[in-house]
Each structure stands twice: as C-alpha cells, then as structure tokens.
Amino acid sequence: MLNKIIFGEKLKNYRKEKKLTQSQVAKEIGISTQAVSKWEKGDCLPDLWNTKLLCRLYGVSADEMLNFDDINTEKIIESYKFDNAVFELVERSEKTYAGGKLDEQIEDFSHISGKSLPEHDVISA
C-alpha cells in the first residue's frame, strides 16, 4: 500500500532538487498551491494525470516516483482491534522522523510486549 506521507516527502525532495517553490509547481501543472502542499504533507495523493505531469516536471519516470523498495519496508508484528479501529505495531527497516532517517533500527520489541495501547477517544465513521 502506498504510504501518503512517504510519497509526499519524495515529492517535496524532487521539488527542492529542481529548486522550485510549491507555487511554481502549482502554476506549471495548473493546480492550486494548496493541492501541492496537501500532497507533500501526505494529506492526499495526486491523481494519475497530475502524477504524470509531476514526473515530467521533475524529470523522473513514474516507476522511479512510485518505487518504494528502498524506503521503509514494513512488517506487521501485531494488530489490535478496538471497536471499528485497527492499530498495527510494525517493524520498519529504518525509522523516518520528520522527513529524516535515523540510524537506529528496531531489533528488540520486548520493552513493549504485553503493554496496552494508550487510551484515546476514537470516533467511528
């Protein structure tokens, strides 16, 4: 499944490599600056047409833009279901924090095994 936040980080990195602002990207492909911002924050994904235009603008292939083999592979360790909400404990090959990678790898989950998730209000749809 496509991780919107990681995809947004990739879009932001491509834009910065080309030394473009969000406004310039928006103007080039004919959308709003807010749409570019939402994509880069991971709030939503561009449609296929806009993805094609982004690939052209950034000079990358769709295969390259959509390739996530080298980024944060995840393995679901445990799933918890509370009413209609599902929470997953995942193991990642590396941690990403605020767009940057940390060297620390998750190797031992014994410190959290058997603990419950924090309580929060969950609004079901």
Protein backbone atom coordinates (compact mmCIF):
# COMPACT_ATOMS: atom_id res chain seq x y z
CA MET A 1 0.00 0.00 0.00
CA LEU A 2 1.23 3.46 -0.86
CA ASN A 3 2.25 5.48 2.18
CA LYS A 4 0.99 9.02 1.55
CA ILE A 5 3.45 10.63 3.97
CA ILE A 6 6.50 8.96 2.42
CA PHE A 7 5.20 9.75 -1.07
CA GLY A 8 4.74 13.38 -0.03
CA GLU A 9 8.33 13.51 1.22
CA LYS A 10 9.50 12.19 -2.14
CA LEU A 11 7.52 14.89 -3.95
CA LYS A 12 8.98 17.58 -1.71
CA ASN A 13 12.52 16.27 -2.29
CA TYR A 14 12.02 16.22 -6.08
CA ARG A 15 10.70 19.79 -5.96
CA LYS A 16 13.60 21.02 -3.85
CA GLU A 17 16.13 19.30 -6.14
CA LYS A 18 14.69 21.37 -9.00
CA LYS A 19 14.79 24.50 -6.78
CA LEU A 20 11.08 25.13 -7.27
CA THR A 21 8.52 26.55 -4.86
CA GLN A 22 5.12 24.98 -4.30
CA SER A 23 3.59 27.97 -6.13
CA GLN A 24 5.82 27.38 -9.16
CA VAL A 25 4.89 23.69 -9.27
CA ALA A 26 1.21 24.55 -8.98
CA LYS A 27 1.42 27.08 -11.81
CA GLU A 28 3.38 24.69 -14.07
CA ILE A 29 0.82 21.88 -13.83
CA GLY A 30 -2.30 24.04 -13.47
CA ILE A 31 -3.44 23.33 -9.93
CA SER A 32 -3.62 25.23 -6.64
CA THR A 33 -0.68 25.75 -4.31
CA GLN A 34 -2.82 24.19 -1.57
CA ALA A 35 -3.03 20.95 -3.56
CA VAL A 36 0.77 20.74 -3.80
CA SER A 37 1.02 21.43 -0.07
CA LYS A 38 -1.51 18.68 0.74
CA TRP A 39 0.37 16.18 -1.43
CA GLU A 40 3.70 17.00 0.19
CA LYS A 41 2.26 16.75 3.71
CA GLY A 42 0.70 13.39 2.89
CA ASP A 43 -2.87 14.59 3.39
CA CYS A 44 -3.87 13.23 -0.02
CA LEU A 45 -2.40 11.90 -3.26
CA PRO A 46 -2.31 13.44 -6.73
CA ASP A 47 -4.49 11.77 -9.35
CA LEU A 48 -2.86 9.87 -12.20
CA TRP A 49 -2.88 12.82 -14.59
CA ASN A 50 -1.19 15.12 -12.07
CA THR A 51 1.30 12.37 -11.18
CA LYS A 52 2.22 12.17 -14.87
CA LEU A 53 2.67 15.96 -15.01
CA LEU A 54 4.81 15.89 -11.84
CA CYS A 55 7.01 13.19 -13.34
CA ARG A 56 7.59 15.34 -16.44
CA LEU A 57 8.25 18.45 -14.36
CA TYR A 58 10.71 16.71 -12.03
CA GLY A 59 12.34 14.67 -14.81
CA VAL A 60 11.68 11.26 -13.25
CA SER A 61 9.84 8.23 -14.51
CA ALA A 62 6.60 7.08 -12.91
CA ASP A 63 8.41 3.87 -11.95
CA GLU A 64 11.02 5.87 -10.07
CA MET A 65 8.47 8.13 -8.41
CA LEU A 66 6.33 5.19 -7.27
CA ASN A 67 9.22 2.92 -6.25
CA PHE A 68 9.36 2.40 -2.51
CA ASP A 69 11.64 -0.65 -2.39
CA ASP A 70 14.44 1.43 -0.91
CA ILE A 71 12.27 3.20 1.68
CA ASN A 72 10.93 1.94 5.00
CA THR A 73 9.83 -1.59 4.31
CA GLU A 74 7.32 -2.56 6.97
CA LYS A 75 6.38 -5.85 8.57
CA ILE A 76 3.23 -6.01 10.69
CA ILE A 77 4.07 -7.64 14.03
CA GLU A 78 0.76 -7.35 15.87
CA SER A 79 -2.67 -5.91 15.20
CA TYR A 80 -5.08 -4.62 17.81
CA LYS A 81 -8.77 -4.07 17.15
CA PHE A 82 -10.79 -1.70 19.29
CA ASP A 83 -14.40 -1.38 18.12
CA ASN A 84 -14.08 -0.23 14.48
CA ALA A 85 -10.46 0.94 14.71
CA VAL A 86 -7.44 -1.24 13.93
CA PHE A 87 -3.97 -0.38 15.25
CA GLU A 88 -0.86 -2.10 13.93
CA LEU A 89 2.53 -2.50 15.53
CA VAL A 90 5.01 -2.52 12.66
CA GLU A 91 8.69 -3.19 12.29
CA ARG A 92 10.48 -0.98 9.77
CA SER A 93 13.88 -1.40 8.20
CA GLU A 94 14.72 2.10 9.37
CA LYS A 95 12.93 4.89 11.16
CA THR A 96 11.89 8.09 9.46
CA TYR A 97 11.42 11.07 11.71
CA ALA A 98 10.27 14.45 10.39
CA GLY A 99 11.48 13.54 6.93
CA GLY A 100 14.95 12.41 8.04
CA LYS A 101 16.24 8.89 8.51
CA LEU A 102 17.64 7.71 11.80
CA ASP A 103 20.36 5.07 12.01
CA GLU A 104 18.67 3.24 14.88
CA GLN A 105 16.99 0.03 13.79
CA ILE A 106 14.26 -1.75 15.69
CA GLU A 107 15.64 -5.06 16.87
CA ASP A 108 14.04 -5.81 20.21
CA PHE A 109 10.35 -5.37 20.99
CA SER A 110 10.49 -6.89 24.48
CA HIS A 111 10.16 -3.44 26.08
CA ILE A 112 6.66 -3.04 24.65
CA SER A 113 5.45 -6.63 24.60
CA GLY A 114 2.35 -7.15 26.69
CA LYS A 115 1.67 -3.43 27.12
CA SER A 116 -1.62 -1.91 26.09
CA LEU A 117 -2.09 0.97 23.72
CA PRO A 118 -2.74 4.40 25.22
CA GLU A 119 -6.38 5.27 25.61
CA HIS A 120 -7.79 7.83 23.20
CA ASP A 121 -11.25 8.71 22.05
CA VAL A 122 -11.94 7.08 18.73
CA ILE A 123 -14.70 8.44 16.56
CA SER A 124 -16.11 5.75 14.34
CA ALA A 125 -17.40 6.57 10.90
